[in-house]
N, C-alpha and C. Protein backbone atom coordinates (compact mmCIF):
# COMPACT_ATOMS: atom_id res chain seq x y z
N UNK A 1 91.64 113.00 122.46
CA UNK A 1 91.10 113.19 121.10
C UNK A 1 90.50 114.53 120.68
N UNK A 2 91.26 115.46 120.30
CA UNK A 2 91.34 116.89 119.90
C UNK A 2 90.26 117.38 118.85
N UNK A 3 90.65 117.26 117.83
CA UNK A 3 90.09 117.76 116.58
C UNK A 3 88.75 116.95 116.14
N UNK A 4 88.76 115.68 116.52
CA UNK A 4 87.64 114.84 115.90
C UNK A 4 87.96 113.99 115.14
N UNK A 5 89.17 114.11 114.29
CA UNK A 5 89.76 113.32 113.31
C UNK A 5 89.89 111.87 113.87
N UNK A 6 90.23 111.76 115.17
CA UNK A 6 90.49 110.45 116.04
C UNK A 6 89.35 109.97 116.17
N UNK A 7 88.32 110.53 116.44
CA UNK A 7 86.85 110.04 116.70
C UNK A 7 86.34 109.54 115.55
N UNK A 8 86.53 110.31 114.26
CA UNK A 8 86.27 109.84 113.16
C UNK A 8 86.78 108.34 112.80
N UNK A 9 88.01 108.10 113.08
CA UNK A 9 88.81 107.16 112.73
C UNK A 9 88.18 106.02 113.75
N UNK A 10 87.94 106.29 114.82
CA UNK A 10 87.38 105.34 115.82
C UNK A 10 86.10 104.55 115.35
N UNK A 11 85.27 105.81 114.81
CA UNK A 11 83.96 105.34 114.40
C UNK A 11 83.99 104.38 112.99
N UNK A 12 84.77 104.85 111.99
CA UNK A 12 85.09 104.22 110.86
C UNK A 12 85.64 102.83 111.12
N UNK A 13 86.23 102.63 112.26
CA UNK A 13 86.91 101.29 112.71
C UNK A 13 85.78 100.37 112.94
N UNK A 14 84.99 100.96 114.08
CA UNK A 14 83.51 100.19 114.55
C UNK A 14 82.59 99.93 113.38
N UNK A 15 82.54 100.66 112.41
CA UNK A 15 81.76 100.40 111.40
C UNK A 15 82.28 99.46 110.11
N UNK A 16 83.77 99.56 109.95
CA UNK A 16 84.00 99.15 108.78
C UNK A 16 85.29 98.22 109.07
N UNK A 17 85.82 98.01 110.33
CA UNK A 17 87.03 97.54 110.75
C UNK A 17 88.29 98.12 109.84
N UNK A 18 89.31 97.27 109.78
CA UNK A 18 90.40 98.07 109.32
C UNK A 18 90.14 98.94 107.81
N UNK A 19 89.31 98.37 107.13
CA UNK A 19 88.90 98.73 106.05
C UNK A 19 88.48 100.25 106.03
N UNK A 20 87.74 100.53 107.27
CA UNK A 20 87.61 101.97 107.47
C UNK A 20 88.76 102.69 107.79
N UNK A 21 89.88 102.27 108.32
CA UNK A 21 91.09 103.00 108.66
C UNK A 21 91.84 103.24 107.34
N UNK A 22 91.71 102.72 106.33
CA UNK A 22 92.58 102.89 105.12
C UNK A 22 92.70 104.08 104.57
N UNK A 23 91.32 104.77 104.58
CA UNK A 23 91.21 106.26 104.10
C UNK A 23 92.11 107.17 104.88
N UNK A 24 92.40 106.77 106.23
CA UNK A 24 93.07 107.82 106.96
C UNK A 24 94.18 107.67 107.13
N UNK A 25 94.88 106.50 106.61
CA UNK A 25 96.45 106.28 105.99
C UNK A 25 96.61 107.13 104.97
N UNK A 26 95.70 107.03 103.96
CA UNK A 26 95.82 107.64 102.70
C UNK A 26 95.64 109.09 102.55
N UNK A 27 94.88 109.50 103.65
CA UNK A 27 94.92 111.16 103.53
C UNK A 27 95.42 111.72 105.05
N UNK A 28 96.91 111.77 105.07
CA UNK A 28 97.50 112.12 106.38
C UNK A 28 96.87 113.58 106.76
N UNK A 29 97.01 113.84 108.01
CA UNK A 29 96.49 115.29 108.18
C UNK A 29 97.71 115.92 108.99
N UNK A 30 98.91 115.70 108.96
CA UNK A 30 99.88 116.59 109.72
C UNK A 30 100.33 115.94 111.09
N UNK A 31 101.24 116.90 111.46
CA UNK A 31 101.69 116.42 112.87
C UNK A 31 100.92 116.45 113.87
N UNK A 32 99.73 117.39 114.25
CA UNK A 32 98.89 117.42 115.02
C UNK A 32 98.13 115.90 115.03
N UNK A 33 97.88 115.65 113.75
CA UNK A 33 97.08 114.42 113.59
C UNK A 33 97.90 113.13 114.45
N UNK A 34 98.94 113.14 114.01
CA UNK A 34 99.88 112.04 114.63
C UNK A 34 100.10 112.04 116.05
N UNK A 35 100.13 113.35 116.62
CA UNK A 35 100.08 113.34 118.06
C UNK A 35 98.60 112.71 118.70
N UNK A 36 97.60 113.03 117.96
CA UNK A 36 96.40 112.50 118.29
C UNK A 36 96.13 110.94 118.33
N UNK A 37 96.95 110.58 117.35
CA UNK A 37 97.11 108.99 117.27
C UNK A 37 97.80 108.12 118.39
N UNK A 38 98.90 109.08 118.51
CA UNK A 38 99.95 108.46 119.92
C UNK A 38 98.88 108.58 120.92
N UNK A 39 98.31 109.56 121.36
CA UNK A 39 97.32 109.92 122.65
C UNK A 39 96.36 108.85 122.36
N UNK A 40 95.79 108.42 121.17
CA UNK A 40 94.69 107.48 121.19
C UNK A 40 95.22 105.87 121.58
N UNK A 41 96.46 105.77 121.53
CA UNK A 41 96.94 104.56 121.65
C UNK A 41 96.49 104.07 123.41
N UNK A 42 96.63 105.06 124.15
CA UNK A 42 96.35 104.53 125.56
C UNK A 42 94.70 104.86 125.85
N UNK A 43 94.01 105.21 125.08
CA UNK A 43 92.74 105.32 125.08
C UNK A 43 92.07 104.24 124.91
N UNK A 44 91.23 103.44 125.89
CA UNK A 44 90.45 102.03 125.73
C UNK A 44 89.73 102.04 124.62
N UNK A 45 89.02 103.12 124.23
CA UNK A 45 87.87 103.40 123.26
C UNK A 45 88.65 103.30 121.92
N UNK A 46 89.79 103.85 121.77
CA UNK A 46 90.38 104.12 120.49
C UNK A 46 91.63 103.51 120.36
N UNK A 47 92.16 102.80 121.31
CA UNK A 47 93.49 102.01 121.38
C UNK A 47 93.77 101.14 119.98
N UNK A 48 92.81 100.12 119.65
CA UNK A 48 92.83 99.46 118.16
C UNK A 48 92.99 100.28 117.26
N UNK A 49 92.13 101.17 116.77
CA UNK A 49 92.18 101.93 115.79
C UNK A 49 93.71 102.69 115.57
N UNK A 50 93.88 103.11 116.91
CA UNK A 50 94.92 104.04 116.99
C UNK A 50 96.40 103.45 116.73
N UNK A 51 96.36 102.30 117.42
CA UNK A 51 97.64 101.49 117.00
C UNK A 51 97.84 100.89 115.84
N UNK A 52 96.53 100.65 114.95
CA UNK A 52 96.55 100.17 113.88
C UNK A 52 97.22 101.56 112.97
N UNK A 53 96.77 102.70 113.02
CA UNK A 53 97.13 103.90 112.27
C UNK A 53 98.54 104.05 112.66
N UNK A 54 98.82 103.94 113.71
CA UNK A 54 100.49 103.95 113.98
C UNK A 54 101.41 103.04 113.49
N UNK A 55 100.84 101.58 113.41
CA UNK A 55 101.49 100.78 112.62
C UNK A 55 101.45 101.04 111.19
N UNK A 56 100.54 101.39 110.36
CA UNK A 56 100.43 101.58 109.07
C UNK A 56 101.31 102.97 108.99
N UNK A 57 101.43 103.67 109.85
CA UNK A 57 102.45 105.00 109.56
C UNK A 57 103.55 104.56 109.46
N UNK A 58 104.37 103.86 110.45
CA UNK A 58 105.57 103.45 110.51
C UNK A 58 106.09 102.49 109.38
N UNK A 59 105.11 101.92 109.17
CA UNK A 59 105.23 100.51 108.16
C UNK A 59 105.56 101.27 106.69
N UNK A 60 104.83 102.44 106.48
CA UNK A 60 104.98 103.23 105.47
C UNK A 60 106.43 104.08 105.09
N UNK A 61 107.09 103.69 106.30
CA UNK A 61 108.65 104.42 106.15
C UNK A 61 108.48 105.83 106.95
N UNK A 62 107.50 106.09 107.54
CA UNK A 62 107.25 107.41 108.19
C UNK A 62 107.98 107.17 109.72
N UNK A 63 108.68 108.44 110.02
CA UNK A 63 109.39 108.32 111.41
C UNK A 63 108.41 108.76 112.43
N UNK A 64 108.40 108.39 113.90
CA UNK A 64 107.32 108.71 114.73
C UNK A 64 108.17 110.01 115.36
N UNK A 65 109.38 109.85 115.49
CA UNK A 65 110.29 110.74 116.21
C UNK A 65 110.28 110.39 117.74
N UNK A 66 111.51 110.94 118.23
CA UNK A 66 111.89 110.51 119.38
C UNK A 66 110.72 111.15 120.94
N UNK A 67 110.39 112.37 120.50
CA UNK A 67 109.39 112.88 121.48
C UNK A 67 108.18 111.97 121.40
N UNK A 68 107.70 111.77 120.26
CA UNK A 68 106.59 110.94 120.25
C UNK A 68 106.59 109.30 120.71
N UNK A 69 107.65 108.63 120.40
CA UNK A 69 108.07 107.69 120.67
C UNK A 69 108.25 107.64 122.35
N UNK A 70 108.88 108.36 122.70
CA UNK A 70 108.69 108.63 124.33
C UNK A 70 107.29 108.63 125.00
N UNK A 71 106.39 109.59 124.32
CA UNK A 71 105.07 109.71 124.66
C UNK A 71 104.54 108.30 124.66
N UNK A 72 104.60 107.72 123.54
CA UNK A 72 103.97 106.20 123.45
C UNK A 72 104.52 105.28 124.50
N UNK A 73 105.78 105.34 124.55
CA UNK A 73 106.30 104.20 125.57
C UNK A 73 105.96 104.48 127.03
N UNK A 74 105.76 105.80 127.47
CA UNK A 74 105.16 106.23 128.86
C UNK A 74 103.69 105.72 128.69
N UNK A 75 103.25 105.51 127.76
CA UNK A 75 101.57 105.17 127.91
C UNK A 75 101.26 103.52 127.73
N UNK A 76 102.18 102.87 127.54
CA UNK A 76 102.11 101.51 127.39
C UNK A 76 101.34 100.52 128.33
N UNK A 77 101.55 100.98 129.61
CA UNK A 77 100.96 100.47 130.86
C UNK A 77 99.38 100.60 130.80
N UNK A 78 98.91 101.45 130.01
CA UNK A 78 97.50 101.67 129.87
C UNK A 78 97.00 101.10 128.70
N UNK A 79 97.72 100.45 127.76
CA UNK A 79 97.09 99.64 126.84
C UNK A 79 96.60 98.22 127.26
N UNK A 80 95.27 98.10 127.30
CA UNK A 80 95.13 96.67 127.80
C UNK A 80 94.25 95.72 126.71
N UNK A 81 94.30 96.19 125.40
CA UNK A 81 93.64 95.37 124.37
C UNK A 81 94.68 94.39 123.64
N UNK A 82 94.47 93.24 123.72
CA UNK A 82 95.11 92.30 122.99
C UNK A 82 95.59 92.66 121.35
N UNK A 83 94.43 93.18 120.78
CA UNK A 83 94.84 93.66 119.22
C UNK A 83 95.64 94.97 119.33
N UNK A 84 95.50 95.87 120.19
CA UNK A 84 96.45 96.93 120.56
C UNK A 84 97.73 96.85 120.89
N UNK A 85 97.72 95.68 121.73
CA UNK A 85 99.32 95.36 122.16
C UNK A 85 99.92 94.62 121.10
N UNK A 86 99.06 93.86 120.17
CA UNK A 86 100.02 93.10 119.11
C UNK A 86 100.41 94.20 118.11
N UNK A 87 99.62 95.24 117.75
CA UNK A 87 99.99 96.34 116.83
C UNK A 87 101.17 96.78 117.22
N UNK A 88 101.19 97.22 118.39
CA UNK A 88 102.39 97.89 119.20
C UNK A 88 103.76 97.05 119.21
N UNK A 89 103.60 95.96 119.56
CA UNK A 89 104.70 94.85 119.23
C UNK A 89 105.42 94.94 117.93
N UNK A 90 104.14 94.93 117.20
CA UNK A 90 104.67 94.66 115.70
C UNK A 90 105.51 96.22 114.91
N UNK A 91 105.22 97.02 115.88
CA UNK A 91 105.56 98.49 115.51
C UNK A 91 107.18 98.67 116.24
N UNK A 92 107.42 97.66 116.95
CA UNK A 92 109.00 98.17 117.63
C UNK A 92 110.01 98.34 116.75
N UNK A 93 110.01 97.37 115.68
CA UNK A 93 111.10 97.52 114.90
C UNK A 93 111.37 98.65 114.12
N UNK A 94 110.28 99.62 114.16
CA UNK A 94 110.65 100.92 113.50
C UNK A 94 110.62 102.06 114.63
N UNK A 95 110.80 101.61 115.93
CA UNK A 95 110.76 102.52 116.95
C UNK A 95 112.63 102.91 117.12
N UNK A 96 112.78 104.22 117.32
CA UNK A 96 114.00 104.66 117.85
C UNK A 96 113.75 104.64 119.48
N UNK A 97 114.10 103.82 120.26
CA UNK A 97 113.76 103.72 121.74
C UNK A 97 114.66 104.53 122.45
N UNK A 98 114.53 106.01 123.02
CA UNK A 98 115.17 106.37 124.03
C UNK A 98 115.49 105.47 125.10
N UNK A 99 116.94 105.74 125.46
CA UNK A 99 117.52 104.87 126.70
C UNK A 99 116.57 104.89 127.82
N UNK A 100 116.11 106.21 128.20
CA UNK A 100 115.28 106.50 129.33
C UNK A 100 114.02 105.83 129.28
N UNK A 101 113.51 105.27 128.10
CA UNK A 101 112.02 104.68 128.01
C UNK A 101 112.22 102.99 127.81
N UNK A 102 113.49 102.63 127.73
CA UNK A 102 113.81 101.46 127.28
C UNK A 102 113.28 100.42 128.12
N UNK A 103 113.10 100.70 129.41
CA UNK A 103 112.61 99.88 130.55
C UNK A 103 111.04 99.59 130.48
N UNK A 104 110.38 100.81 130.19
CA UNK A 104 109.15 100.94 129.91
C UNK A 104 108.57 99.84 128.83
N UNK A 105 109.37 100.04 127.55
CA UNK A 105 109.06 99.13 126.45
C UNK A 105 109.38 97.39 127.07
N UNK A 106 110.35 97.36 127.52
CA UNK A 106 110.82 96.06 128.13
C UNK A 106 109.89 95.41 128.80
N UNK A 107 109.24 96.32 129.83
CA UNK A 107 108.14 95.78 130.74
C UNK A 107 106.65 95.43 130.05
N UNK A 108 106.66 96.24 129.03
CA UNK A 108 105.39 96.01 128.18
C UNK A 108 105.78 94.61 127.51
N UNK A 109 106.88 94.34 126.71
CA UNK A 109 107.08 93.10 126.13
C UNK A 109 107.35 91.95 126.97
N UNK A 110 107.66 92.08 128.08
CA UNK A 110 107.77 90.93 129.06
C UNK A 110 106.28 90.49 129.40
N UNK A 111 105.17 91.28 129.46
CA UNK A 111 103.94 90.92 129.80
C UNK A 111 103.49 90.37 128.62
N UNK A 112 103.74 90.68 127.27
CA UNK A 112 103.11 90.15 125.97
C UNK A 112 103.84 88.61 126.05
N UNK A 113 105.21 88.44 126.70
CA UNK A 113 105.57 87.02 126.57
C UNK A 113 104.96 86.37 127.41
N UNK A 114 104.32 86.85 128.48
CA UNK A 114 103.87 85.94 129.70
C UNK A 114 102.35 85.90 129.32
N UNK A 115 101.73 86.62 128.25
CA UNK A 115 100.30 86.46 127.99
C UNK A 115 99.61 85.04 127.27
N UNK A 116 98.57 84.91 127.21
CA UNK A 116 97.96 83.93 126.50
C UNK A 116 97.60 84.10 124.97
N UNK A 117 97.67 85.32 124.38
CA UNK A 117 97.67 85.70 123.19
C UNK A 117 98.98 85.18 122.19
N UNK A 118 98.82 84.15 121.37
CA UNK A 118 99.80 83.44 120.56
C UNK A 118 100.35 84.77 119.74
N UNK A 119 99.53 85.51 119.12
CA UNK A 119 100.32 86.32 118.17
C UNK A 119 101.12 87.58 119.26
N UNK A 120 100.64 87.95 120.24
CA UNK A 120 101.36 89.04 120.96
C UNK A 120 102.76 88.25 121.34
N UNK A 121 102.49 87.04 121.85
CA UNK A 121 103.90 86.42 122.32
C UNK A 121 104.86 86.46 121.30
N UNK A 122 104.43 86.10 120.01
CA UNK A 122 105.51 86.12 119.04
C UNK A 122 105.88 87.31 118.72
N UNK A 123 105.21 88.39 118.71
CA UNK A 123 105.62 89.79 118.39
C UNK A 123 106.36 90.22 119.27
N UNK A 124 105.99 90.00 120.64
CA UNK A 124 106.77 90.43 121.84
C UNK A 124 108.21 89.97 121.88
N UNK A 125 108.33 88.50 121.47
CA UNK A 125 109.82 87.97 121.44
C UNK A 125 110.41 88.90 120.31
N UNK A 126 109.77 89.16 119.31
CA UNK A 126 110.53 90.01 118.16
C UNK A 126 111.06 91.19 118.75
N UNK A 127 110.06 92.09 119.27
CA UNK A 127 110.09 93.25 119.93
C UNK A 127 111.22 93.24 121.07
N UNK A 128 111.46 92.24 121.75
CA UNK A 128 112.46 92.09 122.79
C UNK A 128 113.76 92.01 121.91
N UNK A 129 113.92 91.18 120.87
CA UNK A 129 115.04 91.24 120.09
C UNK A 129 115.37 92.50 119.80
N UNK A 130 114.34 93.34 119.08
CA UNK A 130 114.60 94.56 118.42
C UNK A 130 115.41 95.70 119.51
N UNK A 131 114.80 95.38 120.68
CA UNK A 131 115.09 96.36 121.80
C UNK A 131 116.55 96.04 122.09
N UNK A 132 116.69 94.77 122.15
CA UNK A 132 118.14 94.45 122.50
C UNK A 132 119.33 94.65 121.47
N UNK A 133 118.72 94.93 120.22
CA UNK A 133 119.84 95.38 119.18
C UNK A 133 119.88 96.97 119.66
N UNK A 134 119.06 97.55 120.11
CA UNK A 134 119.41 99.04 120.29
C UNK A 134 120.13 99.38 121.74
N UNK A 135 119.77 98.53 122.50
CA UNK A 135 120.16 98.42 123.88
C UNK A 135 120.88 97.22 124.54
N UNK A 136 122.09 97.02 124.61
CA UNK A 136 122.84 95.98 124.84
C UNK A 136 122.24 95.52 125.96
N UNK A 137 121.86 96.26 127.22
CA UNK A 137 121.63 95.77 128.47
C UNK A 137 120.40 94.54 128.26
N UNK A 138 119.69 94.34 127.28
CA UNK A 138 118.63 93.42 126.99
C UNK A 138 119.00 92.38 126.27
N UNK A 139 120.45 92.12 125.84
CA UNK A 139 120.84 90.89 125.06
C UNK A 139 120.66 89.75 125.60
N UNK A 140 120.97 89.49 126.88
CA UNK A 140 120.76 88.19 127.25
C UNK A 140 119.18 87.94 127.64
N UNK A 141 118.52 88.90 128.29
CA UNK A 141 117.00 88.46 128.29
C UNK A 141 116.36 88.32 126.89
N UNK A 142 117.01 88.95 126.06
CA UNK A 142 116.39 88.50 124.75
C UNK A 142 116.55 87.18 124.40
N UNK A 143 118.06 86.69 124.40
CA UNK A 143 118.45 85.33 124.06
C UNK A 143 117.57 84.36 124.96
N UNK A 144 117.43 84.74 126.04
CA UNK A 144 116.79 83.57 126.79
C UNK A 144 115.36 83.59 126.42
N UNK A 145 114.66 84.84 126.05
CA UNK A 145 113.32 84.69 125.56
C UNK A 145 112.99 84.11 124.30
N UNK A 146 114.29 83.96 123.26
CA UNK A 146 114.24 83.37 122.05
C UNK A 146 114.25 82.06 122.31
N UNK A 147 115.11 81.48 123.30
CA UNK A 147 115.35 80.13 123.48
C UNK A 147 113.66 79.70 124.06
N UNK A 148 113.45 80.23 125.20
CA UNK A 148 111.84 79.90 125.54
C UNK A 148 110.65 79.90 124.34
N UNK A 149 110.82 80.98 123.75
CA UNK A 149 109.75 81.03 122.71
C UNK A 149 109.98 79.79 121.46
N UNK A 150 111.39 79.46 121.11
CA UNK A 150 111.57 78.17 120.30
C UNK A 150 110.80 76.99 120.95
N UNK A 151 110.24 76.98 121.96
CA UNK A 151 109.78 75.68 122.44
C UNK A 151 108.23 75.93 122.95
N UNK A 152 107.81 77.16 122.86
CA UNK A 152 106.18 77.69 122.93
C UNK A 152 105.51 76.55 121.94
N UNK A 153 104.24 76.24 122.52
CA UNK A 153 103.32 75.40 121.94
C UNK A 153 102.66 76.01 120.59
N UNK A 154 102.79 77.30 120.51
CA UNK A 154 102.07 77.81 119.30
C UNK A 154 103.18 77.91 118.08
N UNK A 155 102.42 77.56 117.10
CA UNK A 155 103.31 77.38 115.92
C UNK A 155 103.81 78.80 115.34
N UNK A 156 103.02 79.79 115.51
CA UNK A 156 103.12 81.05 115.10
C UNK A 156 104.10 81.65 115.94
N UNK A 157 104.49 81.39 117.31
CA UNK A 157 105.63 81.97 118.12
C UNK A 157 106.72 81.30 117.69
N UNK A 158 106.95 79.93 117.28
CA UNK A 158 108.15 79.35 116.68
C UNK A 158 108.46 79.63 115.40
N UNK A 159 107.43 80.07 114.65
CA UNK A 159 108.00 80.77 113.45
C UNK A 159 108.58 81.95 113.29
N UNK A 160 108.08 82.61 114.42
CA UNK A 160 108.78 84.10 114.58
C UNK A 160 110.12 83.82 114.82
N UNK A 161 110.29 82.89 115.77
CA UNK A 161 111.73 82.76 116.36
C UNK A 161 112.54 82.43 115.10
N UNK A 162 111.84 81.39 114.39
CA UNK A 162 112.91 80.94 113.24
C UNK A 162 113.00 82.24 112.36
N UNK A 163 112.13 83.33 112.09
CA UNK A 163 112.71 84.21 111.07
C UNK A 163 113.62 85.43 111.86
N UNK A 164 113.23 85.40 113.27
CA UNK A 164 114.38 86.25 113.82
C UNK A 164 115.66 85.38 113.82
N UNK A 165 116.02 84.30 114.07
CA UNK A 165 117.13 83.41 114.01
C UNK A 165 117.84 83.63 112.51
N UNK A 166 116.91 83.58 111.67
CA UNK A 166 117.43 83.63 110.04
C UNK A 166 118.18 84.97 110.05
N UNK A 167 117.01 86.04 110.64
CA UNK A 167 117.69 87.56 110.39
C UNK A 167 119.17 87.77 111.04
N UNK A 168 119.29 86.90 112.32
CA UNK A 168 120.52 86.94 112.95
C UNK A 168 121.75 86.48 112.23
N UNK A 169 121.38 85.54 111.46
CA UNK A 169 122.26 84.85 110.54
C UNK A 169 123.08 83.82 111.38
């Protein structure tokens, strides 16, 4: 975290939760800020705030770019907070995943599918489905994951599968 803006975001999140982060989304600070957010995703102290900001950025229709996406995907193995994992799984639909980094994302999503956090499981299956749409080699695995998730004990996971199936037509 270089210029202090990410530190400010972390403090705002610690103080006010997501509400404290909304001001950072409303007043973007350019490309270096986005680099700081991506770097913050792998920082245990900043990961929840950074991943929320990243998710808000892409959900607003902004692109991350291939170089930042690759940097983010290389850092996934250092993300260990369930909320941060959830935010990242929710971001997959907006990522253009480079082929050379696809397996890093697949490993991250597999770990989410196997985890205890039901919302992470729900969004990990969604992420694997999205990854398979970009990279055919994950299609069979995604279909198997959808089948298993359709029998998951958590209603949120089954609901996400229904949304995916509806989208697939």
